[in-house]
C-alpha cells in the first residue's frame, strides 16, 4: 500500500512490513490485503494505491483509490458541522464485486 506515492506497508509471506513510523501511520494490513487505518483524521484523505504480486514476483493487479475523510476537528472549525463531530462515528462498510470491479461504500448513521 502507498499513499501519495509513499510506501506505507506491505505483506509478504504472512509478515507485514511498515515503511513509515507505525504509530504515525496508525495502519495495519489484514491477512486479506485490506488496509485498516485507526483513528481516522482528515489528513488521512489522499490517493492510496494497492499492488498485488504473485509468488513469482510479477504484478498481478493494482488499484488506485481516492479516499476522503469528511468532518472537521472542533479546534480547526471555520464552519461547524454539528452532525459530524470528531471523531467520526463507526462507519458501515459494504463492498460489491462485479466483472472484476470492486465498489466500496462507507457510510455513517447518526
PDB file of N, CA and C in Angstrom:
ATOM      1  N   UNK A   1       0.838  -1.172   0.000  1.00  0.00           N
ATOM      2  CA  UNK A   1       0.000   0.000   0.000  1.00  0.00           C
ATOM      3  C   UNK A   1       0.887   1.240   0.000  1.00  0.00           C
ATOM      4  N   UNK A   2       0.463   2.239  -0.792  1.00  0.00           N
ATOM      5  CA  UNK A   2       1.127   3.535  -0.780  1.00  0.00           C
ATOM      6  C   UNK A   2       0.074   4.617  -0.596  1.00  0.00           C
ATOM      7  N   UNK A   3       0.516   5.770  -0.137  1.00  0.00           N
ATOM      8  CA  UNK A   3      -0.352   6.949  -0.054  1.00  0.00           C
ATOM      9  C   UNK A   3       0.430   8.106  -0.645  1.00  0.00           C
ATOM     10  N   UNK A   4      -0.118   8.707  -1.701  1.00  0.00           N
ATOM     11  CA  UNK A   4       0.563   9.820  -2.348  1.00  0.00           C
ATOM     12  C   UNK A   4       1.954   9.466  -2.829  1.00  0.00           C
ATOM     13  N   UNK A   5       2.161   8.224  -3.231  1.00  0.00           N
ATOM     14  CA  UNK A   5       3.450   7.769  -3.733  1.00  0.00           C
ATOM     15  C   UNK A   5       4.406   7.277  -2.655  1.00  0.00           C
ATOM     16  N   UNK A   6       4.083   7.460  -1.382  1.00  0.00           N
ATOM     17  CA  UNK A   6       4.947   6.999  -0.290  1.00  0.00           C
ATOM     18  C   UNK A   6       4.513   5.617   0.167  1.00  0.00           C
ATOM     19  N   UNK A   7       5.441   4.684   0.229  1.00  0.00           N
ATOM     20  CA  UNK A   7       5.128   3.333   0.680  1.00  0.00           C
ATOM     21  C   UNK A   7       4.735   3.364   2.144  1.00  0.00           C
ATOM     22  N   UNK A   8       3.625   2.688   2.462  1.00  0.00           N
ATOM     23  CA  UNK A   8       3.144   2.606   3.833  1.00  0.00           C
ATOM     24  C   UNK A   8       3.456   1.252   4.454  1.00  0.00           C
ATOM     25  N   UNK A   9       2.955   0.207   3.800  1.00  0.00           N
ATOM     26  CA  UNK A   9       3.026  -1.129   4.392  1.00  0.00           C
ATOM     27  C   UNK A   9       2.917  -2.167   3.282  1.00  0.00           C
ATOM     28  N   UNK A  10       3.558  -3.309   3.507  1.00  0.00           N
ATOM     29  CA  UNK A  10       3.403  -4.419   2.570  1.00  0.00           C
ATOM     30  C   UNK A  10       3.343  -5.715   3.352  1.00  0.00           C
ATOM     31  N   UNK A  11       2.737  -6.710   2.753  1.00  0.00           N
ATOM     32  CA  UNK A  11       2.660  -8.044   3.359  1.00  0.00           C
ATOM     33  C   UNK A  11       3.329  -9.012   2.396  1.00  0.00           C
ATOM     34  N   UNK A  12       4.256  -9.777   2.940  1.00  0.00           N
ATOM     35  CA  UNK A  12       4.950 -10.794   2.151  1.00  0.00           C
ATOM     36  C   UNK A  12       5.192 -11.981   3.062  1.00  0.00           C
ATOM     37  N   UNK A  13       4.828 -13.162   2.588  1.00  0.00           N
ATOM     38  CA  UNK A  13       4.991 -14.397   3.369  1.00  0.00           C
ATOM     39  C   UNK A  13       4.347 -14.272   4.753  1.00  0.00           C
ATOM     40  N   UNK A  14       3.122 -13.752   4.795  1.00  0.00           N
ATOM     41  CA  UNK A  14       2.342 -13.593   6.033  1.00  0.00           C
ATOM     42  C   UNK A  14       2.999 -12.683   7.069  1.00  0.00           C
ATOM     43  N   UNK A  15       3.894 -11.809   6.627  1.00  0.00           N
ATOM     44  CA  UNK A  15       4.550 -10.872   7.529  1.00  0.00           C
ATOM     45  C   UNK A  15       4.375  -9.456   6.986  1.00  0.00           C
ATOM     46  N   UNK A  16       3.930  -8.536   7.848  1.00  0.00           N
ATOM     47  CA  UNK A  16       3.729  -7.147   7.431  1.00  0.00           C
ATOM     48  C   UNK A  16       4.987  -6.336   7.731  1.00  0.00           C
ATOM     49  N   UNK A  17       5.326  -5.434   6.816  1.00  0.00           N
ATOM     50  CA  UNK A  17       6.471  -4.543   6.992  1.00  0.00           C
ATOM     51  C   UNK A  17       6.000  -3.113   6.794  1.00  0.00           C
ATOM     52  N   UNK A  18       6.268  -2.255   7.792  1.00  0.00           N
ATOM     53  CA  UNK A  18       5.921  -0.838   7.701  1.00  0.00           C
ATOM     54  C   UNK A  18       7.104  -0.071   7.110  1.00  0.00           C
ATOM     55  N   UNK A  19       6.814   0.889   6.225  1.00  0.00           N
ATOM     56  CA  UNK A  19       7.848   1.739   5.638  1.00  0.00           C
ATOM     57  C   UNK A  19       7.818   3.135   6.251  1.00  0.00           C
ATOM     58  N   UNK A  20       6.839   3.396   7.087  1.00  0.00           N
ATOM     59  CA  UNK A  20       6.728   4.647   7.823  1.00  0.00           C
ATOM     60  C   UNK A  20       6.565   4.286   9.296  1.00  0.00           C
ATOM     61  N   UNK A  21       6.698   5.265  10.158  1.00  0.00           N
ATOM     62  CA  UNK A  21       6.532   5.052  11.588  1.00  0.00           C
ATOM     63  C   UNK A  21       5.168   4.426  11.846  1.00  0.00           C
ATOM     64  N   UNK A  22       5.144   3.261  12.463  1.00  0.00           N
ATOM     65  CA  UNK A  22       3.898   2.509  12.681  1.00  0.00           C
ATOM     66  C   UNK A  22       2.896   3.312  13.495  1.00  0.00           C
ATOM     67  N   UNK A  23       3.360   4.050  14.504  1.00  0.00           N
ATOM     68  CA  UNK A  23       2.468   4.858  15.336  1.00  0.00           C
ATOM     69  C   UNK A  23       1.898   6.018  14.528  1.00  0.00           C
ATOM     70  N   UNK A  24       2.742   6.678  13.726  1.00  0.00           N
ATOM     71  CA  UNK A  24       2.294   7.792  12.895  1.00  0.00           C
ATOM     72  C   UNK A  24       1.316   7.324  11.817  1.00  0.00           C
ATOM     73  N   UNK A  25       1.579   6.171  11.232  1.00  0.00           N
ATOM     74  CA  UNK A  25       0.726   5.619  10.171  1.00  0.00           C
ATOM     75  C   UNK A  25      -0.636   5.204  10.718  1.00  0.00           C
ATOM     76  N   UNK A  26      -0.667   4.622  11.927  1.00  0.00           N
ATOM     77  CA  UNK A  26      -1.892   4.101  12.526  1.00  0.00           C
ATOM     78  C   UNK A  26      -2.556   3.083  11.602  1.00  0.00           C
ATOM     79  N   UNK A  27      -1.755   2.337  10.853  1.00  0.00           N
ATOM     80  CA  UNK A  27      -2.329   1.415   9.878  1.00  0.00           C
ATOM     81  C   UNK A  27      -1.798   0.004  10.074  1.00  0.00           C
ATOM     82  N   UNK A  28      -2.628  -0.928   9.661  1.00  0.00           N
ATOM     83  CA  UNK A  28      -2.293  -2.344   9.646  1.00  0.00           C
ATOM     84  C   UNK A  28      -2.780  -2.914   8.326  1.00  0.00           C
ATOM     85  N   UNK A  29      -2.152  -3.980   7.896  1.00  0.00           N
ATOM     86  CA  UNK A  29      -2.601  -4.679   6.702  1.00  0.00           C
ATOM     87  C   UNK A  29      -3.120  -6.031   7.136  1.00  0.00           C
ATOM     88  N   UNK A  30      -4.399  -6.273   6.881  1.00  0.00           N
ATOM     89  CA  UNK A  30      -5.029  -7.522   7.284  1.00  0.00           C
ATOM     90  C   UNK A  30      -4.588  -8.660   6.369  1.00  0.00           C
ATOM     91  N   UNK A  31      -4.861  -9.887   6.778  1.00  0.00           N
ATOM     92  CA  UNK A  31      -4.452 -11.073   6.008  1.00  0.00           C
ATOM     93  C   UNK A  31      -4.979 -11.047   4.577  1.00  0.00           C
ATOM     94  N   UNK A  32      -6.174 -10.473   4.379  1.00  0.00           N
ATOM     95  CA  UNK A  32      -6.762 -10.453   3.038  1.00  0.00           C
ATOM     96  C   UNK A  32      -6.286  -9.269   2.202  1.00  0.00           C
ATOM     97  N   UNK A  33      -5.338  -8.466   2.731  1.00  0.00           N
ATOM     98  CA  UNK A  33      -4.789  -7.341   1.981  1.00  0.00           C
ATOM     99  C   UNK A  33      -5.448  -6.006   2.269  1.00  0.00           C
ATOM    100  N   UNK A  34      -6.496  -6.009   3.081  1.00  0.00           N
ATOM    101  CA  UNK A  34      -7.202  -4.773   3.423  1.00  0.00           C
ATOM    102  C   UNK A  34      -6.304  -3.867   4.260  1.00  0.00           C
ATOM    103  N   UNK A  35      -6.275  -2.576   3.917  1.00  0.00           N
ATOM    104  CA  UNK A  35      -5.571  -1.586   4.726  1.00  0.00           C
ATOM    105  C   UNK A  35      -6.542  -1.071   5.768  1.00  0.00           C
ATOM    106  N   UNK A  36      -6.169  -1.191   7.041  1.00  0.00           N
ATOM    107  CA  UNK A  36      -7.011  -0.720   8.145  1.00  0.00           C
ATOM    108  C   UNK A  36      -6.306   0.455   8.803  1.00  0.00           C
ATOM    109  N   UNK A  37      -6.997   1.606   8.881  1.00  0.00           N
ATOM    110  CA  UNK A  37      -6.438   2.806   9.494  1.00  0.00           C
ATOM    111  C   UNK A  37      -7.224   3.093  10.761  1.00  0.00           C
ATOM    112  N   UNK A  38      -6.520   3.232  11.870  1.00  0.00           N
ATOM    113  CA  UNK A  38      -7.155   3.513  13.159  1.00  0.00           C
ATOM    114  C   UNK A  38      -7.268   5.019  13.363  1.00  0.00           C
ATOM    115  N   UNK A  39      -8.304   5.454  14.064  1.00  0.00           N
ATOM    116  CA  UNK A  39      -8.488   6.852  14.457  1.00  0.00           C
ATOM    117  C   UNK A  39      -8.340   7.801  13.259  1.00  0.00           C
ATOM    118  N   UNK A  40      -9.225   7.656  12.286  1.00  0.00           N
ATOM    119  CA  UNK A  40      -9.165   8.475  11.081  1.00  0.00           C
ATOM    120  C   UNK A  40      -9.207   9.963  11.396  1.00  0.00           C
ATOM    121  N   UNK A  41      -8.398  10.712  10.656  1.00  0.00           N
ATOM    122  CA  UNK A  41      -8.413  12.171  10.710  1.00  0.00           C
ATOM    123  C   UNK A  41      -8.465  12.673   9.274  1.00  0.00           C
ATOM    124  N   UNK A  42      -8.811  13.928   9.111  1.00  0.00           N
ATOM    125  CA  UNK A  42      -8.972  14.497   7.784  1.00  0.00           C
ATOM    126  C   UNK A  42      -7.699  14.356   6.946  1.00  0.00           C
ATOM    127  N   UNK A  43      -6.529  14.415   7.609  1.00  0.00           N
ATOM    128  CA  UNK A  43      -5.248  14.303   6.897  1.00  0.00           C
ATOM    129  C   UNK A  43      -5.012  12.913   6.316  1.00  0.00           C
ATOM    130  N   UNK A  44      -5.836  11.940   6.682  1.00  0.00           N
ATOM    131  CA  UNK A  44      -5.724  10.611   6.087  1.00  0.00           C
ATOM    132  C   UNK A  44      -6.307  10.576   4.676  1.00  0.00           C
ATOM    133  N   UNK A  45      -6.997  11.628   4.277  1.00  0.00           N
ATOM    134  CA  UNK A  45      -7.513  11.716   2.906  1.00  0.00           C
ATOM    135  C   UNK A  45      -6.341  11.701   1.936  1.00  0.00           C
ATOM    136  N   UNK A  46      -6.555  11.134   0.773  1.00  0.00           N
ATOM    137  CA  UNK A  46      -5.498  11.140  -0.237  1.00  0.00           C
ATOM    138  C   UNK A  46      -5.652  10.014  -1.227  1.00  0.00           C
ATOM    139  N   UNK A  47      -4.663   9.908  -2.099  1.00  0.00           N
ATOM    140  CA  UNK A  47      -4.660   8.881  -3.130  1.00  0.00           C
ATOM    141  C   UNK A  47      -3.884   7.671  -2.618  1.00  0.00           C
ATOM    142  N   UNK A  48      -4.589   6.571  -2.411  1.00  0.00           N
ATOM    143  CA  UNK A  48      -3.980   5.327  -1.949  1.00  0.00           C
ATOM    144  C   UNK A  48      -3.869   4.383  -3.135  1.00  0.00           C
ATOM    145  N   UNK A  49      -2.852   3.539  -3.105  1.00  0.00           N
ATOM    146  CA  UNK A  49      -2.656   2.562  -4.174  1.00  0.00           C
ATOM    147  C   UNK A  49      -2.293   1.225  -3.541  1.00  0.00           C
ATOM    148  N   UNK A  50      -2.931   0.185  -4.039  1.00  0.00           N
ATOM    149  CA  UNK A  50      -2.602  -1.168  -3.603  1.00  0.00           C
ATOM    150  C   UNK A  50      -2.095  -1.937  -4.822  1.00  0.00           C
ATOM    151  N   UNK A  51      -1.034  -2.701  -4.611  1.00  0.00           N
ATOM    152  CA  UNK A  51      -0.460  -3.523  -5.666  1.00  0.00           C
ATOM    153  C   UNK A  51      -0.373  -4.963  -5.164  1.00  0.00           C
ATOM    154  N   UNK A  52      -0.774  -5.903  -6.001  1.00  0.00           N
ATOM    155  CA  UNK A  52      -0.784  -7.318  -5.639  1.00  0.00           C
ATOM    156  C   UNK A  52       0.173  -8.053  -6.570  1.00  0.00           C
ATOM    157  N   UNK A  53       1.092  -8.793  -5.953  1.00  0.00           N
ATOM    158  CA  UNK A  53       2.091  -9.549  -6.706  1.00  0.00           C
ATOM    159  C   UNK A  53       1.887 -11.037  -6.484  1.00  0.00           C
ATOM    160  N   UNK A  54       2.199 -11.821  -7.502  1.00  0.00           N
ATOM    161  CA  UNK A  54       2.150 -13.275  -7.393  1.00  0.00           C
ATOM    162  C   UNK A  54       3.422 -13.788  -6.737  1.00  0.00           C
ATOM    163  N   UNK A  55       3.446 -15.069  -6.431  1.00  0.00           N
ATOM    164  CA  UNK A  55       4.637 -15.676  -5.818  1.00  0.00           C
ATOM    165  C   UNK A  55       5.859 -15.561  -6.717  1.00  0.00           C
ATOM    166  N   UNK A  56       5.631 -15.412  -8.036  1.00  0.00           N
ATOM    167  CA  UNK A  56       6.737 -15.266  -8.982  1.00  0.00           C
ATOM    168  C   UNK A  56       7.282 -13.832  -9.021  1.00  0.00           C
ATOM    169  N   UNK A  57       6.678 -12.931  -8.226  1.00  0.00           N
ATOM    170  CA  UNK A  57       7.141 -11.544  -8.166  1.00  0.00           C
ATOM    171  C   UNK A  57       6.557 -10.643  -9.234  1.00  0.00           C
ATOM    172  N   UNK A  58       5.696 -11.190 -10.080  1.00  0.00           N
ATOM    173  CA  UNK A  58       5.091 -10.387 -11.151  1.00  0.00           C
ATOM    174  C   UNK A  58       3.835  -9.697 -10.645  1.00  0.00           C
ATOM    175  N   UNK A  59       3.646  -8.455 -11.095  1.00  0.00           N
ATOM    176  CA  UNK A  59       2.469  -7.672 -10.723  1.00  0.00           C
ATOM    177  C   UNK A  59       1.212  -8.328 -11.278  1.00  0.00           C
ATOM    178  N   UNK A  60       0.270  -8.644 -10.395  1.00  0.00           N
ATOM    179  CA  UNK A  60      -0.985  -9.289 -10.801  1.00  0.00           C
ATOM    180  C   UNK A  60      -2.105  -8.265 -10.953  1.00  0.00           C
ATOM    181  N   UNK A  61      -2.131  -7.272 -10.061  1.00  0.00           N
ATOM    182  CA  UNK A  61      -3.200  -6.271 -10.092  1.00  0.00           C
ATOM    183  C   UNK A  61      -2.761  -5.048  -9.302  1.00  0.00           C
ATOM    184  N   UNK A  62      -3.319  -3.909  -9.666  1.00  0.00           N
ATOM    185  CA  UNK A  62      -3.118  -2.702  -8.878  1.00  0.00           C
ATOM    186  C   UNK A  62      -4.359  -1.840  -8.983  1.00  0.00           C
ATOM    187  N   UNK A  63      -4.589  -1.060  -7.956  1.00  0.00           N
ATOM    188  CA  UNK A  63      -5.793  -0.220  -7.904  1.00  0.00           C
ATOM    189  C   UNK A  63      -5.447   1.080  -7.199  1.00  0.00           C
ATOM    190  N   UNK A  64      -5.905   2.182  -7.770  1.00  0.00           N
ATOM    191  CA  UNK A  64      -5.782   3.498  -7.140  1.00  0.00           C
ATOM    192  C   UNK A  64      -7.118   3.855  -6.512  1.00  0.00           C
ATOM    193  N   UNK A  65      -7.064   4.381  -5.303  1.00  0.00           N
ATOM    194  CA  UNK A  65      -8.283   4.708  -4.565  1.00  0.00           C
ATOM    195  C   UNK A  65      -8.142   6.119  -4.007  1.00  0.00           C
ATOM    196  N   UNK A  66      -9.055   7.011  -4.389  1.00  0.00           N
ATOM    197  CA  UNK A  66      -9.076   8.348  -3.798  1.00  0.00           C
ATOM    198  C   UNK A  66      -9.965   8.266  -2.570  1.00  0.00           C
ATOM    199  N   UNK A  67      -9.397   8.548  -1.411  1.00  0.00           N
ATOM    200  CA  UNK A  67     -10.067   8.361  -0.136  1.00  0.00           C
ATOM    201  C   UNK A  67     -10.264   9.722   0.523  1.00  0.00           C
ATOM    202  N   UNK A  68     -11.482  10.013   0.948  1.00  0.00           N
ATOM    203  CA  UNK A  68     -11.799  11.285   1.582  1.00  0.00           C
ATOM    204  C   UNK A  68     -12.333  11.052   2.988  1.00  0.00           C
ATOM    205  N   UNK A  69     -11.804  11.782   3.955  1.00  0.00           N
ATOM    206  CA  UNK A  69     -12.335  11.790   5.309  1.00  0.00           C
ATOM    207  C   UNK A  69     -12.993  13.143   5.493  1.00  0.00           C
ATOM    208  N   UNK A  70     -14.279  13.142   5.779  1.00  0.00           N
ATOM    209  CA  UNK A  70     -15.012  14.395   5.929  1.00  0.00           C
ATOM    210  C   UNK A  70     -15.187  14.726   7.394  1.00  0.00           C
ATOM    211  N   UNK A  71     -15.386  16.008   7.673  1.00  0.00           N
ATOM    212  CA  UNK A  71     -15.564  16.474   9.036  1.00  0.00           C
ATOM    213  C   UNK A  71     -14.390  17.330   9.451  1.00  0.00           C
ATOM    214  N   UNK A  72     -14.549  18.083  10.483  1.00  0.00           N
ATOM    215  CA  UNK A  72     -13.518  18.983  10.985  1.00  0.00           C
ATOM    216  C   UNK A  72     -13.367  18.765  12.474  1.00  0.00           C
ATOM    217  N   UNK A  73     -12.164  18.930  12.980  1.00  0.00           N
ATOM    218  CA  UNK A  73     -11.983  18.911  14.421  1.00  0.00           C
ATOM    219  C   UNK A  73     -12.457  20.249  14.955  1.00  0.00           C
ATOM    220  N   UNK A  74     -12.947  20.263  16.163  1.00  0.00           N
ATOM    221  CA  UNK A  74     -13.518  21.487  16.718  1.00  0.00           C
ATOM    222  C   UNK A  74     -12.482  22.605  16.848  1.00  0.00           C
ATOM    223  N   UNK A  75     -11.201  22.288  17.004  1.00  0.00           N
ATOM    224  CA  UNK A  75     -10.186  23.323  17.144  1.00  0.00           C
ATOM    225  C   UNK A  75      -9.828  23.981  15.818  1.00  0.00           C
ATOM    226  N   UNK A  76     -10.255  23.410  14.694  1.00  0.00           N
ATOM    227  CA  UNK A  76      -9.934  23.968  13.386  1.00  0.00           C
ATOM    228  C   UNK A  76     -11.179  24.368  12.591  1.00  0.00           C
ATOM    229  N   UNK A  77     -12.301  24.498  13.249  1.00  0.00           N
ATOM    230  CA  UNK A  77     -13.561  24.710  12.531  1.00  0.00           C
ATOM    231  C   UNK A  77     -13.698  26.155  12.082  1.00  0.00           C
ATOM    232  N   UNK A  78     -13.915  26.327  10.780  1.00  0.00           N
ATOM    233  CA  UNK A  78     -14.287  27.632  10.247  1.00  0.00           C
ATOM    234  C   UNK A  78     -15.795  27.647  10.050  1.00  0.00           C
ATOM    235  N   UNK A  79     -16.321  26.492   9.701  1.00  0.00           N
ATOM    236  CA  UNK A  79     -17.760  26.317   9.512  1.00  0.00           C
ATOM    237  C   UNK A  79     -18.128  25.028  10.232  1.00  0.00           C
ATOM    238  N   UNK A  80     -18.879  25.124  11.280  1.00  0.00           N
ATOM    239  CA  UNK A  80     -19.165  23.977  12.130  1.00  0.00           C
ATOM    240  C   UNK A  80     -20.094  22.977  11.450  1.00  0.00           C
ATOM    241  N   UNK A  81     -19.829  21.699  11.685  1.00  0.00           N
ATOM    242  CA  UNK A  81     -20.676  20.619  11.201  1.00  0.00           C
ATOM    243  C   UNK A  81     -21.193  19.866  12.415  1.00  0.00           C
ATOM    244  N   UNK A  82     -22.241  20.347  13.083  1.00  0.00           N
ATOM    245  CA  UNK A  82     -22.685  19.717  14.321  1.00  0.00           C
ATOM    246  C   UNK A  82     -23.124  18.269  14.145  1.00  0.00           C
ATOM    247  N   UNK A  83     -23.533  17.878  12.939  1.00  0.00           N
ATOM    248  CA  UNK A  83     -23.958  16.495  12.736  1.00  0.00           C
ATOM    249  C   UNK A  83     -22.778  15.570  12.473  1.00  0.00           C
ATOM    250  N   UNK A  84     -21.547  16.100  12.365  1.00  0.00           N
ATOM    251  CA  UNK A  84     -20.360  15.301  12.101  1.00  0.00           C
ATOM    252  C   UNK A  84     -19.241  15.669  13.063  1.00  0.00           C
ATOM    253  N   UNK A  85     -19.455  15.494  14.378  1.00  0.00           N
ATOM    254  CA  UNK A  85     -18.391  15.821  15.317  1.00  0.00           C
ATOM    255  C   UNK A  85     -17.234  14.834  15.185  1.00  0.00           C
ATOM    256  N   UNK A  86     -16.039  15.231  15.582  1.00  0.00           N
ATOM    257  CA  UNK A  86     -14.895  14.329  15.602  1.00  0.00           C
ATOM    258  C   UNK A  86     -14.894  13.580  16.919  1.00  0.00           C
ATOM    259  N   UNK A  87     -14.455  12.392  17.031  1.00  0.00           N
ATOM    260  CA  UNK A  87     -14.077  11.563  15.904  1.00  0.00           C
ATOM    261  C   UNK A  87     -15.304  11.084  15.133  1.00  0.00           C
ATOM    262  N   UNK A  88     -15.077  10.668  13.917  1.00  0.00           N
ATOM    263  CA  UNK A  88     -16.161  10.198  13.068  1.00  0.00           C
ATOM    264  C   UNK A  88     -16.767   8.945  13.697  1.00  0.00           C
ATOM    265  N   UNK A  89     -18.097   8.837  13.754  1.00  0.00           N
ATOM    266  CA  UNK A  89     -18.728   7.632  14.309  1.00  0.00           C
ATOM    267  C   UNK A  89     -18.327   6.382  13.525  1.00  0.00           C
ATOM    268  N   UNK A  90     -18.530   5.237  14.121  1.00  0.00           N
ATOM    269  CA  UNK A  90     -18.171   3.963  13.492  1.00  0.00           C
ATOM    270  C   UNK A  90     -18.834   3.848  12.120  1.00  0.00           C
ATOM    271  N   UNK A  91     -18.026   3.701  11.047  1.00  0.00           N
ATOM    272  CA  UNK A  91     -18.620   3.603   9.706  1.00  0.00           C
ATOM    273  C   UNK A  91     -19.178   2.210   9.424  1.00  0.00           C
ATOM    274  N   UNK A  92     -20.084   2.157   8.467  1.00  0.00           N
ATOM    275  CA  UNK A  92     -20.613   0.896   7.966  1.00  0.00           C
ATOM    276  C   UNK A  92     -20.053   0.733   6.565  1.00  0.00           C
ATOM    277  N   UNK A  93     -19.254  -0.312   6.355  1.00  0.00           N
ATOM    278  CA  UNK A  93     -18.632  -0.556   5.065  1.00  0.00           C
ATOM    279  C   UNK A  93     -19.347  -1.677   4.336  1.00  0.00           C
ATOM    280  N   UNK A  94     -19.526  -1.478   3.043  1.00  0.00           N
ATOM    281  CA  UNK A  94     -20.065  -2.547   2.218  1.00  0.00           C
ATOM    282  C   UNK A  94     -19.301  -2.556   0.900  1.00  0.00           C
ATOM    283  N   UNK A  95     -19.123  -3.722   0.340  1.00  0.00           N
ATOM    284  CA  UNK A  95     -18.393  -3.849  -0.919  1.00  0.00           C
ATOM    285  C   UNK A  95     -19.166  -4.766  -1.851  1.00  0.00           C
ATOM    286  N   UNK A  96     -19.026  -4.483  -3.140  1.00  0.00           N
ATOM    287  CA  UNK A  96     -19.699  -5.288  -4.146  1.00  0.00           C
ATOM    288  C   UNK A  96     -18.724  -5.535  -5.294  1.00  0.00           C
ATOM    289  N   UNK A  97     -18.573  -6.780  -5.704  1.00  0.00           N
ATOM    290  CA  UNK A  97     -17.695  -7.141  -6.819  1.00  0.00           C
ATOM    291  C   UNK A  97     -18.551  -7.503  -8.030  1.00  0.00           C
ATOM    292  N   UNK A  98     -18.233  -6.860  -9.160  1.00  0.00           N
ATOM    293  CA  UNK A  98     -18.908  -7.177 -10.422  1.00  0.00           C
ATOM    294  C   UNK A  98     -17.912  -7.046 -11.556  1.00  0.00           C
ATOM    295  N   UNK A  99     -17.764  -8.084 -12.335  1.00  0.00           N
ATOM    296  CA  UNK A  99     -16.897  -8.059 -13.510  1.00  0.00           C
ATOM    297  C   UNK A  99     -15.508  -7.525 -13.209  1.00  0.00           C
ATOM    298  N   UNK A 100     -14.876  -8.017 -12.166  1.00  0.00           N
ATOM    299  CA  UNK A 100     -13.523  -7.647 -11.750  1.00  0.00           C
ATOM    300  C   UNK A 100     -13.413  -6.204 -11.255  1.00  0.00           C
ATOM    301  N   UNK A 101     -14.547  -5.545 -10.973  1.00  0.00           N
ATOM    302  CA  UNK A 101     -14.554  -4.205 -10.397  1.00  0.00           C
ATOM    303  C   UNK A 101     -15.107  -4.275  -8.982  1.00  0.00           C
ATOM    304  N   UNK A 102     -14.494  -3.536  -8.088  1.00  0.00           N
ATOM    305  CA  UNK A 102     -14.946  -3.506  -6.705  1.00  0.00           C
ATOM    306  C   UNK A 102     -15.497  -2.126  -6.409  1.00  0.00           C
ATOM    307  N   UNK A 103     -16.691  -2.079  -5.876  1.00  0.00           N
ATOM    308  CA  UNK A 103     -17.310  -0.842  -5.452  1.00  0.00           C
ATOM    309  C   UNK A 103     -17.428  -0.884  -3.926  1.00  0.00           C
ATOM    310  N   UNK A 104     -16.849   0.115  -3.270  1.00  0.00           N
ATOM    311  CA  UNK A 104     -16.848   0.177  -1.808  1.00  0.00           C
ATOM    312  C   UNK A 104     -17.668   1.368  -1.366  1.00  0.00           C
ATOM    313  N   UNK A 105     -18.546   1.146  -0.390  1.00  0.00           N
ATOM    314  CA  UNK A 105     -19.383   2.207   0.141  1.00  0.00           C
ATOM    315  C   UNK A 105     -19.133   2.294   1.648  1.00  0.00           C
ATOM    316  N   UNK A 106     -18.906   3.505   2.104  1.00  0.00           N
ATOM    317  CA  UNK A 106     -18.678   3.747   3.526  1.00  0.00           C
ATOM    318  C   UNK A 106     -19.681   4.803   3.957  1.00  0.00           C
ATOM    319  N   UNK A 107     -20.496   4.486   4.950  1.00  0.00           N
ATOM    320  CA  UNK A 107     -21.478   5.460   5.427  1.00  0.00           C
ATOM    321  C   UNK A 107     -21.547   5.470   6.934  1.00  0.00           C
ATOM    322  N   UNK A 108     -22.007   6.582   7.457  1.00  0.00           N
ATOM    323  CA  UNK A 108     -22.152   6.745   8.898  1.00  0.00           C
ATOM    324  C   UNK A 108     -23.599   7.061   9.182  1.00  0.00           C
ATOM    325  N   UNK A 109     -24.173   6.322  10.093  1.00  0.00           N
ATOM    326  CA  UNK A 109     -25.560   6.575  10.501  1.00  0.00           C
ATOM    327  C   UNK A 109     -25.550   7.262  11.849  1.00  0.00           C
ATOM    328  N   UNK A 110     -26.284   8.330  11.944  1.00  0.00           N
ATOM    329  CA  UNK A 110     -26.330   9.112  13.187  1.00  0.00           C
ATOM    330  C   UNK A 110     -27.342   8.530  14.143  1.00  0.00           C
TER     331      UNK A 110
END
